Structures are given as structure tokens and as C-alpha cells.
Amino acid sequence: EAVSHNNQHSFAIKVIRDKIRVLQVAGRPSWDERFLRQHLKENPNVDLISFFILRTLTDPANVPEKEMSLIPFPVDKIFDTELHTFDVIIFQNFDYRPYPMERFLPNIRKAVENGLGFVMIGGEQSFAGGGYQGTAIDSILPVSLESHSMAKIFEGLTSTQAGERHPVTQLLRSSSLNKRQWRELPNWATVNRTGNTLPQGTTLVVSPELNNSQGRPLPLVSVREVGQGRSLAIASDSMWKWRFTGSRDGGAAERAYHRFWS
């Protein structure tokens, strides 16, 4: 060969030893549920099992109960015998009470203490609105549960000092640029009124205009270490708005959405 230096090429290979097994349970179909499910399905490192409830026991009974989800919701199998096979569980605007699950909530708490990741995403059926106050799930969340109500917000989101550098909320490498990014992202429409972040937890994002009953800024994104596991609380069902910006911001909000969940 006249030229031999082009016979080699160096590149990085990301080796995926084991996929992250994620269980997503959503109380109803929504844009928020759809975009998160889409993001997780597109990630080759994620093995996703997703359930979203189409109707509840209190809805008009004009279809069989077996059609409450697209596929059967095997509560006993998932939260008893198969729970140890998951790495992350996401409760997204999900009220557990219509599905005799209370006896399984301590199983989730124990699994988190042993290394499971648990995420609760807001909505009218989440946090106190989903009946979690005083349950085993309440004991692993980073925020206290006080109110069943939702609130509207009109100003931008504000990252805390911890949130400027935390891996979950670090959308940009620069601390000052990251803080600005959160402030300029599309606003969340509705948020859950939770209590204070617990001493074991860390607040990453707050609402600059809403306070809780103790007069402190309302925590919107909070994290906590629980034994060997972790929990994440997102007190809103409006993160989908980051995916609806199109090209108006050059795709910055959509990139932020994927960076956050990744």
C-alpha cells in the first residue's frame, strides 16, 4: 500500500454488562407518561416494563375489569416474587389503593433499603393525593407529605446550591450556566404541595413563588439515600412541556429532558 497510516482507527466502546431493569407504573395515560416511557424504551441500557391504568374501579363499568390496563397488572407477582429483579421503580401519578397493594408497600421499602431506586412523579394521584401519607413509601421519600392539593406556578424553576452540581439536575457542566438553564426552561404548569425536605433528603429544585405550610420554598425535585438505595421525588406532572418546545429554543429543552432522565 502506498498509504498505510489509515489502516487503524481508534474509538471508544461502551460495554453494557447488565441492563437496568425499570418498572414504570402510571395511574393514567398522559403526555408525561408517554414521553418518559418513550425515553426509557429508546435507551439500549434499559429493560423497561411499563403499566398504565386505562380505567379504575370507580369509572363507569361499561368495559370488563380486565381491561383496566393494556396488559394484566399482576400486582402479587411484581411486588412480591419479582420485586428483587428490578433496579428502579417509578410510580407516576399512581394511586395504589384501588389495587390491594398496601401489604406490598413494605416490600418496596425493604427493597430500596437493599439497593433499589424509587422514583415518585407528581400528579393528583401522587404523594398525599395517592394515599401514601403514613405508609411505608412515605418513610423512604425525601419530602414530607402534607397536602392533597395541586398548585399552579407561573415563574421559572430555580435550582438550589446543591442542585447546581448534583448529577440529577446538572444539565450543563458550568454551575452558573446550569442555574440559568433551569430558570429558562419551559415552566411546569402544576405542582404537588408537599411539606419540607426531610433532614435525610436534599432539595435540588424549588418553586421561587410558592411556599409550603412552613413558609419555605416548595421543593419540586428532591433526592434521598435510603440504606443502600435512593429515592427521587418530582412534585409535578408537567415535565412533558420540555418536549413540546420544538425548535423555538434550538432543542435546548428537549436535550435537557433527556439529560435529566439519563
C-alpha atoms as a PDB file:
ATOM      1  CA  GLU A   1       0.000   0.000   0.000  1.00  0.00           C
ATOM      2  CA  ALA A   2       1.182   3.482  -0.766  1.00  0.00           C
ATOM      3  CA  VAL A   3      -0.521   4.804   2.403  1.00  0.00           C
ATOM      4  CA  SER A   4      -0.661   2.602   5.494  1.00  0.00           C
ATOM      5  CA  HIS A   5      -1.456   5.092   8.269  1.00  0.00           C
ATOM      6  CA  ASN A   6      -5.202   4.855   7.506  1.00  0.00           C
ATOM      7  CA  ASN A   7      -5.335   1.165   8.384  1.00  0.00           C
ATOM      8  CA  GLN A   8      -6.073   1.877  12.036  1.00  0.00           C
ATOM      9  CA  HIS A   9      -8.885   3.703  13.732  1.00  0.00           C
ATOM     10  CA  SER A  10      -9.288   4.311  17.468  1.00  0.00           C
ATOM     11  CA  PHE A  11     -12.714   4.678  19.037  1.00  0.00           C
ATOM     12  CA  ALA A  12     -14.424   4.137  22.376  1.00  0.00           C
ATOM     13  CA  ILE A  13     -16.766   1.227  23.044  1.00  0.00           C
ATOM     14  CA  LYS A  14     -19.323   1.408  25.827  1.00  0.00           C
ATOM     15  CA  VAL A  15     -19.742  -2.105  27.220  1.00  0.00           C
ATOM     16  CA  ILE A  16     -23.168  -2.737  28.737  1.00  0.00           C
ATOM     17  CA  ARG A  17     -22.662  -5.629  31.141  1.00  0.00           C
ATOM     18  CA  ASP A  18     -26.200  -5.695  32.505  1.00  0.00           C
ATOM     19  CA  LYS A  19     -29.258  -3.712  31.544  1.00  0.00           C
ATOM     20  CA  ILE A  20     -31.018  -1.540  34.102  1.00  0.00           C
ATOM     21  CA  ARG A  21     -34.423  -3.108  34.717  1.00  0.00           C
ATOM     22  CA  VAL A  22     -37.074  -0.429  35.195  1.00  0.00           C
ATOM     23  CA  LEU A  23     -40.711  -0.804  36.260  1.00  0.00           C
ATOM     24  CA  GLN A  24     -42.917   2.169  35.347  1.00  0.00           C
ATOM     25  CA  VAL A  25     -46.429   2.258  36.820  1.00  0.00           C
ATOM     26  CA  ALA A  26     -48.610   5.196  35.740  1.00  0.00           C
ATOM     27  CA  GLY A  27     -52.080   5.942  37.037  1.00  0.00           C
ATOM     28  CA  ARG A  28     -53.368   7.096  33.663  1.00  0.00           C
ATOM     29  CA  PRO A  29     -52.155   7.775  30.108  1.00  0.00           C
ATOM     30  CA  SER A  30     -50.689  11.260  29.732  1.00  0.00           C
ATOM     31  CA  TRP A  31     -48.076  13.207  27.807  1.00  0.00           C
ATOM     32  CA  ASP A  32     -45.848  12.980  30.875  1.00  0.00           C
ATOM     33  CA  GLU A  33     -46.161   9.193  30.961  1.00  0.00           C
ATOM     34  CA  ARG A  34     -45.793   8.858  27.195  1.00  0.00           C
ATOM     35  CA  PHE A  35     -42.592  10.890  26.878  1.00  0.00           C
ATOM     36  CA  LEU A  36     -40.889   9.172  29.809  1.00  0.00           C
ATOM     37  CA  ARG A  37     -41.842   5.728  28.512  1.00  0.00           C
ATOM     38  CA  GLN A  38     -40.534   6.725  25.069  1.00  0.00           C
ATOM     39  CA  HIS A  39     -37.242   7.946  26.516  1.00  0.00           C
ATOM     40  CA  LEU A  40     -36.735   4.746  28.515  1.00  0.00           C
ATOM     41  CA  LYS A  41     -37.621   2.486  25.591  1.00  0.00           C
ATOM     42  CA  GLU A  42     -35.092   4.250  23.364  1.00  0.00           C
ATOM     43  CA  ASN A  43     -32.265   3.708  25.852  1.00  0.00           C
ATOM     44  CA  PRO A  44     -30.472   0.443  24.961  1.00  0.00           C
ATOM     45  CA  ASN A  45     -29.240   0.175  28.535  1.00  0.00           C
ATOM     46  CA  VAL A  46     -32.796  -0.049  29.930  1.00  0.00           C
ATOM     47  CA  ASP A  47     -35.070  -3.080  30.106  1.00  0.00           C
ATOM     48  CA  LEU A  48     -38.484  -1.436  30.618  1.00  0.00           C
ATOM     49  CA  ILE A  49     -41.717  -2.920  31.894  1.00  0.00           C
ATOM     50  CA  SER A  50     -44.467  -0.312  31.763  1.00  0.00           C
ATOM     51  CA  PHE A  51     -48.044  -0.373  33.086  1.00  0.00           C
ATOM     52  CA  PHE A  52     -50.503   2.469  32.798  1.00  0.00           C
ATOM     53  CA  ILE A  53     -54.063   2.252  34.013  1.00  0.00           C
ATOM     54  CA  LEU A  54     -56.772   2.963  31.432  1.00  0.00           C
ATOM     55  CA  ARG A  55     -59.658   2.991  33.892  1.00  0.00           C
ATOM     56  CA  THR A  56     -60.162   2.491  37.616  1.00  0.00           C
ATOM     57  CA  LEU A  57     -62.742   0.615  39.648  1.00  0.00           C
ATOM     58  CA  THR A  58     -64.646   3.871  40.188  1.00  0.00           C
ATOM     59  CA  ASP A  59     -65.077   4.621  36.466  1.00  0.00           C
ATOM     60  CA  PRO A  60     -68.341   3.694  34.678  1.00  0.00           C
ATOM     61  CA  ALA A  61     -68.373  -0.085  34.317  1.00  0.00           C
ATOM     62  CA  ASN A  62     -69.054  -0.298  30.590  1.00  0.00           C
ATOM     63  CA  VAL A  63     -65.970  -2.421  29.892  1.00  0.00           C
ATOM     64  CA  PRO A  64     -64.637  -5.512  31.712  1.00  0.00           C
ATOM     65  CA  GLU A  65     -62.338  -5.002  34.700  1.00  0.00           C
ATOM     66  CA  LYS A  66     -59.601  -6.961  32.921  1.00  0.00           C
ATOM     67  CA  GLU A  67     -59.292  -4.028  30.500  1.00  0.00           C
ATOM     68  CA  MET A  68     -58.115  -1.631  33.216  1.00  0.00           C
ATOM     69  CA  SER A  69     -54.657  -1.793  31.606  1.00  0.00           C
ATOM     70  CA  LEU A  70     -53.357  -2.770  28.182  1.00  0.00           C
ATOM     71  CA  ILE A  71     -51.953  -5.944  29.726  1.00  0.00           C
ATOM     72  CA  PRO A  72     -52.913  -7.552  33.058  1.00  0.00           C
ATOM     73  CA  PHE A  73     -51.458  -5.847  36.130  1.00  0.00           C
ATOM     74  CA  PRO A  74     -50.079  -8.787  38.176  1.00  0.00           C
ATOM     75  CA  VAL A  75     -49.690  -6.975  41.479  1.00  0.00           C
ATOM     76  CA  ASP A  76     -48.814 -10.050  43.551  1.00  0.00           C
ATOM     77  CA  LYS A  77     -46.176 -11.301  41.133  1.00  0.00           C
ATOM     78  CA  ILE A  78     -44.492  -7.921  40.581  1.00  0.00           C
ATOM     79  CA  PHE A  79     -44.358  -6.625  44.139  1.00  0.00           C
ATOM     80  CA  ASP A  80     -43.713  -9.941  45.855  1.00  0.00           C
ATOM     81  CA  THR A  81     -41.889 -12.613  43.881  1.00  0.00           C
ATOM     82  CA  GLU A  82     -40.362 -10.441  41.112  1.00  0.00           C
ATOM     83  CA  LEU A  83     -39.524  -7.260  43.028  1.00  0.00           C
ATOM     84  CA  HIS A  84     -35.878  -8.228  43.531  1.00  0.00           C
ATOM     85  CA  THR A  85     -35.323  -8.364  39.752  1.00  0.00           C
ATOM     86  CA  PHE A  86     -35.816  -4.598  39.268  1.00  0.00           C
ATOM     87  CA  ASP A  87     -33.242  -1.831  39.635  1.00  0.00           C
ATOM     88  CA  VAL A  88     -35.643   1.123  39.531  1.00  0.00           C
ATOM     89  CA  ILE A  89     -39.371   1.507  40.233  1.00  0.00           C
ATOM     90  CA  ILE A  90     -41.272   4.580  39.029  1.00  0.00           C
ATOM     91  CA  PHE A  91     -44.687   5.487  40.457  1.00  0.00           C
ATOM     92  CA  GLN A  92     -46.072   8.136  38.119  1.00  0.00           C
ATOM     93  CA  ASN A  93     -49.302   9.815  39.219  1.00  0.00           C
ATOM     94  CA  PHE A  94     -50.307   6.434  40.615  1.00  0.00           C
ATOM     95  CA  ASP A  95     -52.798   5.747  43.422  1.00  0.00           C
ATOM     96  CA  TYR A  96     -52.136   2.257  44.796  1.00  0.00           C
ATOM     97  CA  ARG A  97     -55.371   1.980  46.791  1.00  0.00           C
ATOM     98  CA  PRO A  98     -57.714   0.590  44.072  1.00  0.00           C
ATOM     99  CA  TYR A  99     -55.350  -2.392  43.689  1.00  0.00           C
ATOM    100  CA  PRO A 100     -54.905  -4.177  47.050  1.00  0.00           C
ATOM    101  CA  MET A 101     -51.258  -3.156  47.339  1.00  0.00           C
ATOM    102  CA  GLU A 102     -50.871  -1.831  50.854  1.00  0.00           C
ATOM    103  CA  ARG A 103     -49.419  -5.117  52.063  1.00  0.00           C
ATOM    104  CA  PHE A 104     -46.719  -4.845  49.389  1.00  0.00           C
ATOM    105  CA  LEU A 105     -45.543  -1.297  50.183  1.00  0.00           C
ATOM    106  CA  PRO A 106     -43.209  -2.546  52.963  1.00  0.00           C
ATOM    107  CA  ASN A 107     -41.654  -4.847  50.356  1.00  0.00           C
ATOM    108  CA  ILE A 108     -40.760  -1.798  48.263  1.00  0.00           C
ATOM    109  CA  ARG A 109     -39.277  -0.011  51.280  1.00  0.00           C
ATOM    110  CA  LYS A 110     -37.143  -3.034  52.124  1.00  0.00           C
ATOM    111  CA  ALA A 111     -36.002  -3.355  48.504  1.00  0.00           C
ATOM    112  CA  VAL A 112     -34.961   0.316  48.464  1.00  0.00           C
ATOM    113  CA  GLU A 113     -33.002  -0.170  51.679  1.00  0.00           C
ATOM    114  CA  ASN A 114     -31.231  -3.053  49.912  1.00  0.00           C
ATOM    115  CA  GLY A 115     -30.292  -1.021  46.836  1.00  0.00           C
ATOM    116  CA  LEU A 116     -33.416  -0.364  44.730  1.00  0.00           C
ATOM    117  CA  GLY A 117     -34.020   3.063  43.192  1.00  0.00           C
ATOM    118  CA  PHE A 118     -37.501   4.537  43.730  1.00  0.00           C
ATOM    119  CA  VAL A 119     -38.990   7.493  41.845  1.00  0.00           C
ATOM    120  CA  MET A 120     -42.288   9.223  42.568  1.00  0.00           C
ATOM    121  CA  ILE A 121     -43.539  11.623  39.891  1.00  0.00           C
ATOM    122  CA  GLY A 122     -46.271  14.109  40.727  1.00  0.00           C
ATOM    123  CA  GLY A 123     -49.904  14.467  39.786  1.00  0.00           C
ATOM    124  CA  GLU A 124     -53.194  14.487  41.618  1.00  0.00           C
ATOM    125  CA  GLN A 125     -52.800  10.764  42.407  1.00  0.00           C
ATOM    126  CA  SER A 126     -49.246  11.068  43.777  1.00  0.00           C
ATOM    127  CA  PHE A 127     -47.779  11.862  47.190  1.00  0.00           C
ATOM    128  CA  ALA A 128     -50.546  12.625  49.718  1.00  0.00           C
ATOM    129  CA  GLY A 129     -53.138  12.617  46.923  1.00  0.00           C
ATOM    130  CA  GLY A 130     -52.329   8.973  46.253  1.00  0.00           C
ATOM    131  CA  GLY A 131     -52.790   7.957  49.882  1.00  0.00           C
ATOM    132  CA  TYR A 132     -49.077   7.477  50.634  1.00  0.00           C
ATOM    133  CA  GLN A 133     -49.044   9.547  53.818  1.00  0.00           C
ATOM    134  CA  GLY A 134     -48.159   7.321  56.765  1.00  0.00           C
ATOM    135  CA  THR A 135     -47.314   4.312  54.578  1.00  0.00           C
ATOM    136  CA  ALA A 136     -44.013   2.513  54.036  1.00  0.00           C
ATOM    137  CA  ILE A 137     -43.475   4.626  50.900  1.00  0.00           C
ATOM    138  CA  ASP A 138     -43.797   7.804  52.974  1.00  0.00           C
ATOM    139  CA  SER A 139     -40.839   6.622  55.062  1.00  0.00           C
ATOM    140  CA  ILE A 140     -38.472   6.475  52.079  1.00  0.00           C
ATOM    141  CA  LEU A 141     -39.401   9.712  50.274  1.00  0.00           C
ATOM    142  CA  PRO A 142     -37.133  12.767  50.601  1.00  0.00           C
ATOM    143  CA  VAL A 143     -40.066  15.095  51.372  1.00  0.00           C
ATOM    144  CA  SER A 144     -42.822  15.049  53.984  1.00  0.00           C
ATOM    145  CA  LEU A 145     -46.409  14.604  52.816  1.00  0.00           C
ATOM    146  CA  GLU A 146     -48.928  17.178  53.961  1.00  0.00           C
ATOM    147  CA  SER A 147     -51.446  18.367  51.396  1.00  0.00           C
ATOM    148  CA  HIS A 148     -53.563  16.605  48.783  1.00  0.00           C
ATOM    149  CA  SER A 149     -53.841  19.794  46.696  1.00  0.00           C
ATOM    150  CA  MET A 150     -52.137  20.858  43.487  1.00  0.00           C
ATOM    151  CA  ALA A 151     -50.960  24.388  42.733  1.00  0.00           C
ATOM    152  CA  LYS A 152     -50.255  26.362  39.583  1.00  0.00           C
ATOM    153  CA  ILE A 153     -46.924  28.075  39.091  1.00  0.00           C
ATOM    154  CA  PHE A 154     -46.155  30.908  36.711  1.00  0.00           C
ATOM    155  CA  GLU A 155     -42.490  31.729  37.317  1.00  0.00           C
ATOM    156  CA  GLY A 156     -39.487  29.694  36.240  1.00  0.00           C
ATOM    157  CA  LEU A 157     -37.847  26.886  38.216  1.00  0.00           C
ATOM    158  CA  THR A 158     -34.919  27.615  40.490  1.00  0.00           C
ATOM    159  CA  SER A 159     -32.124  25.168  41.212  1.00  0.00           C
ATOM    160  CA  THR A 160     -30.683  25.219  44.719  1.00  0.00           C
ATOM    161  CA  GLN A 161     -26.987  25.419  45.524  1.00  0.00           C
ATOM    162  CA  ALA A 162     -26.938  21.631  45.794  1.00  0.00           C
ATOM    163  CA  GLY A 163     -28.908  21.302  42.569  1.00  0.00           C
ATOM    164  CA  GLU A 164     -26.378  23.313  40.587  1.00  0.00           C
ATOM    165  CA  ARG A 165     -23.848  20.487  40.951  1.00  0.00           C
ATOM    166  CA  HIS A 166     -25.891  17.374  41.655  1.00  0.00           C
ATOM    167  CA  PRO A 167     -25.709  14.707  38.893  1.00  0.00           C
ATOM    168  CA  VAL A 168     -29.523  14.505  38.649  1.00  0.00           C
ATOM    169  CA  THR A 169     -30.012  18.212  37.946  1.00  0.00           C
ATOM    170  CA  GLN A 170     -26.682  19.133  36.350  1.00  0.00           C
ATOM    171  CA  LEU A 171     -27.929  19.787  32.832  1.00  0.00           C
ATOM    172  CA  LEU A 172     -24.815  21.815  31.962  1.00  0.00           C
ATOM    173  CA  ARG A 173     -21.297  21.499  33.368  1.00  0.00           C
ATOM    174  CA  SER A 174     -20.974  25.108  34.464  1.00  0.00           C
ATOM    175  CA  SER A 175     -22.714  25.857  37.766  1.00  0.00           C
ATOM    176  CA  SER A 176     -23.804  29.340  36.678  1.00  0.00           C
ATOM    177  CA  LEU A 177     -24.984  28.149  33.257  1.00  0.00           C
ATOM    178  CA  ASN A 178     -26.841  25.267  34.838  1.00  0.00           C
ATOM    179  CA  LYS A 179     -28.706  27.620  37.178  1.00  0.00           C
ATOM    180  CA  ARG A 180     -29.603  29.799  34.207  1.00  0.00           C
ATOM    181  CA  GLN A 181     -30.729  26.758  32.202  1.00  0.00           C
ATOM    182  CA  TRP A 182     -33.233  25.742  34.889  1.00  0.00           C
ATOM    183  CA  ARG A 183     -34.572  29.288  35.070  1.00  0.00           C
ATOM    184  CA  GLU A 184     -35.083  29.463  31.298  1.00  0.00           C
ATOM    185  CA  LEU A 185     -36.649  26.009  30.775  1.00  0.00           C
ATOM    186  CA  PRO A 186     -40.387  25.849  29.990  1.00  0.00           C
ATOM    187  CA  ASN A 187     -42.335  26.284  33.189  1.00  0.00           C
ATOM    188  CA  TRP A 188     -44.165  23.402  34.842  1.00  0.00           C
ATOM    189  CA  ALA A 189     -47.892  24.085  34.906  1.00  0.00           C
ATOM    190  CA  THR A 190     -48.981  22.311  38.090  1.00  0.00           C
ATOM    191  CA  VAL A 191     -47.105  21.037  41.137  1.00  0.00           C
ATOM    192  CA  ASN A 192     -47.890  18.996  44.236  1.00  0.00           C
ATOM    193  CA  ARG A 193     -47.924  20.818  47.552  1.00  0.00           C
ATOM    194  CA  THR A 194     -45.571  18.725  49.657  1.00  0.00           C
ATOM    195  CA  GLY A 195     -44.010  19.579  53.007  1.00  0.00           C
ATOM    196  CA  ASN A 196     -40.378  20.241  53.816  1.00  0.00           C
ATOM    197  CA  THR A 197     -37.489  18.205  52.524  1.00  0.00           C
ATOM    198  CA  LEU A 198     -36.532  15.818  55.315  1.00  0.00           C
ATOM    199  CA  PRO A 199     -33.135  16.076  57.066  1.00  0.00           C
ATOM    200  CA  GLN A 200     -32.052  12.909  55.240  1.00  0.00           C
ATOM    201  CA  GLY A 201     -33.003  14.421  51.870  1.00  0.00           C
ATOM    202  CA  THR A 202     -31.603  17.115  49.585  1.00  0.00           C
ATOM    203  CA  THR A 203     -33.626  19.713  47.702  1.00  0.00           C
ATOM    204  CA  LEU A 204     -32.373  20.274  44.156  1.00  0.00           C
ATOM    205  CA  VAL A 205     -35.089  22.425  42.544  1.00  0.00           C
ATOM    206  CA  VAL A 206     -37.685  24.716  44.143  1.00  0.00           C
ATOM    207  CA  SER A 207     -40.505  26.999  43.079  1.00  0.00           C
ATOM    208  CA  PRO A 208     -39.467  30.657  43.520  1.00  0.00           C
ATOM    209  CA  GLU A 209     -43.066  31.784  44.076  1.00  0.00           C
ATOM    210  CA  LEU A 210     -44.725  29.047  46.176  1.00  0.00           C
ATOM    211  CA  ASN A 211     -44.092  28.200  49.817  1.00  0.00           C
ATOM    212  CA  ASN A 212     -45.165  25.200  51.850  1.00  0.00           C
ATOM    213  CA  SER A 213     -47.021  25.400  55.154  1.00  0.00           C
ATOM    214  CA  GLN A 214     -43.731  26.160  56.966  1.00  0.00           C
ATOM    215  CA  GLY A 215     -43.123  29.177  54.733  1.00  0.00           C
ATOM    216  CA  ARG A 216     -40.221  27.594  52.877  1.00  0.00           C
ATOM    217  CA  PRO A 217     -39.883  27.396  49.072  1.00  0.00           C
ATOM    218  CA  LEU A 218     -41.870  24.449  47.737  1.00  0.00           C
ATOM    219  CA  PRO A 219     -39.476  21.573  46.869  1.00  0.00           C
ATOM    220  CA  LEU A 220     -40.037  20.304  43.338  1.00  0.00           C
ATOM    221  CA  VAL A 221     -37.100  17.928  42.850  1.00  0.00           C
ATOM    222  CA  SER A 222     -35.586  16.206  45.878  1.00  0.00           C
ATOM    223  CA  VAL A 223     -33.381  13.163  46.447  1.00  0.00           C
ATOM    224  CA  ARG A 224     -32.536  10.944  49.394  1.00  0.00           C
ATOM    225  CA  GLU A 225     -30.306   7.985  50.180  1.00  0.00           C
ATOM    226  CA  VAL A 226     -32.171   5.180  51.942  1.00  0.00           C
ATOM    227  CA  GLY A 227     -29.843   2.464  53.195  1.00  0.00           C
ATOM    228  CA  GLN A 228     -28.108   1.185  50.069  1.00  0.00           C
ATOM    229  CA  GLY A 229     -30.788   2.616  47.761  1.00  0.00           C
ATOM    230  CA  ARG A 230     -32.073   6.014  46.697  1.00  0.00           C
ATOM    231  CA  SER A 231     -35.341   7.815  46.203  1.00  0.00           C
ATOM    232  CA  LEU A 232     -36.256  10.724  43.951  1.00  0.00           C
ATOM    233  CA  ALA A 233     -39.349  12.923  44.237  1.00  0.00           C
ATOM    234  CA  ILE A 234     -40.541  15.103  41.355  1.00  0.00           C
ATOM    235  CA  ALA A 235     -43.520  17.093  42.589  1.00  0.00           C
ATOM    236  CA  SER A 236     -45.058  17.835  39.204  1.00  0.00           C
ATOM    237  CA  ASP A 237     -46.717  16.126  36.250  1.00  0.00           C
ATOM    238  CA  SER A 238     -45.614  18.840  33.801  1.00  0.00           C
ATOM    239  CA  MET A 239     -42.103  17.885  32.726  1.00  0.00           C
ATOM    240  CA  TRP A 240     -43.628  16.890  29.375  1.00  0.00           C
ATOM    241  CA  LYS A 241     -43.647  20.602  28.492  1.00  0.00           C
ATOM    242  CA  TRP A 242     -39.907  20.375  27.900  1.00  0.00           C
ATOM    243  CA  ARG A 243     -40.637  18.125  24.932  1.00  0.00           C
ATOM    244  CA  PHE A 244     -43.130  20.498  23.277  1.00  0.00           C
ATOM    245  CA  THR A 245     -40.789  23.401  22.586  1.00  0.00           C
ATOM    246  CA  GLY A 246     -39.851  22.187  19.111  1.00  0.00           C
ATOM    247  CA  SER A 247     -37.105  24.265  17.556  1.00  0.00           C
ATOM    248  CA  ARG A 248     -38.046  27.515  19.275  1.00  0.00           C
ATOM    249  CA  ASP A 249     -35.117  27.185  21.669  1.00  0.00           C
ATOM    250  CA  GLY A 250     -32.842  25.240  19.353  1.00  0.00           C
ATOM    251  CA  GLY A 251     -33.810  21.990  21.065  1.00  0.00           C
ATOM    252  CA  ALA A 252     -32.336  23.025  24.433  1.00  0.00           C
ATOM    253  CA  ALA A 253     -35.388  21.976  26.476  1.00  0.00           C
ATOM    254  CA  GLU A 254     -35.643  18.580  24.796  1.00  0.00           C
ATOM    255  CA  ARG A 255     -31.942  17.960  25.347  1.00  0.00           C
ATOM    256  CA  ALA A 256     -32.414  18.941  28.999  1.00  0.00           C
ATOM    257  CA  TYR A 257     -35.261  16.436  29.308  1.00  0.00           C
ATOM    258  CA  HIS A 258     -33.152  13.557  28.021  1.00  0.00           C
ATOM    259  CA  ARG A 259     -30.114  14.626  30.068  1.00  0.00           C
ATOM    260  CA  PHE A 260     -32.196  14.775  33.248  1.00  0.00           C
ATOM    261  CA  TRP A 261     -33.646  11.276  32.871  1.00  0.00           C
ATOM    262  CA  SER A 262     -30.397   9.757  31.613  1.00  0.00           C
END
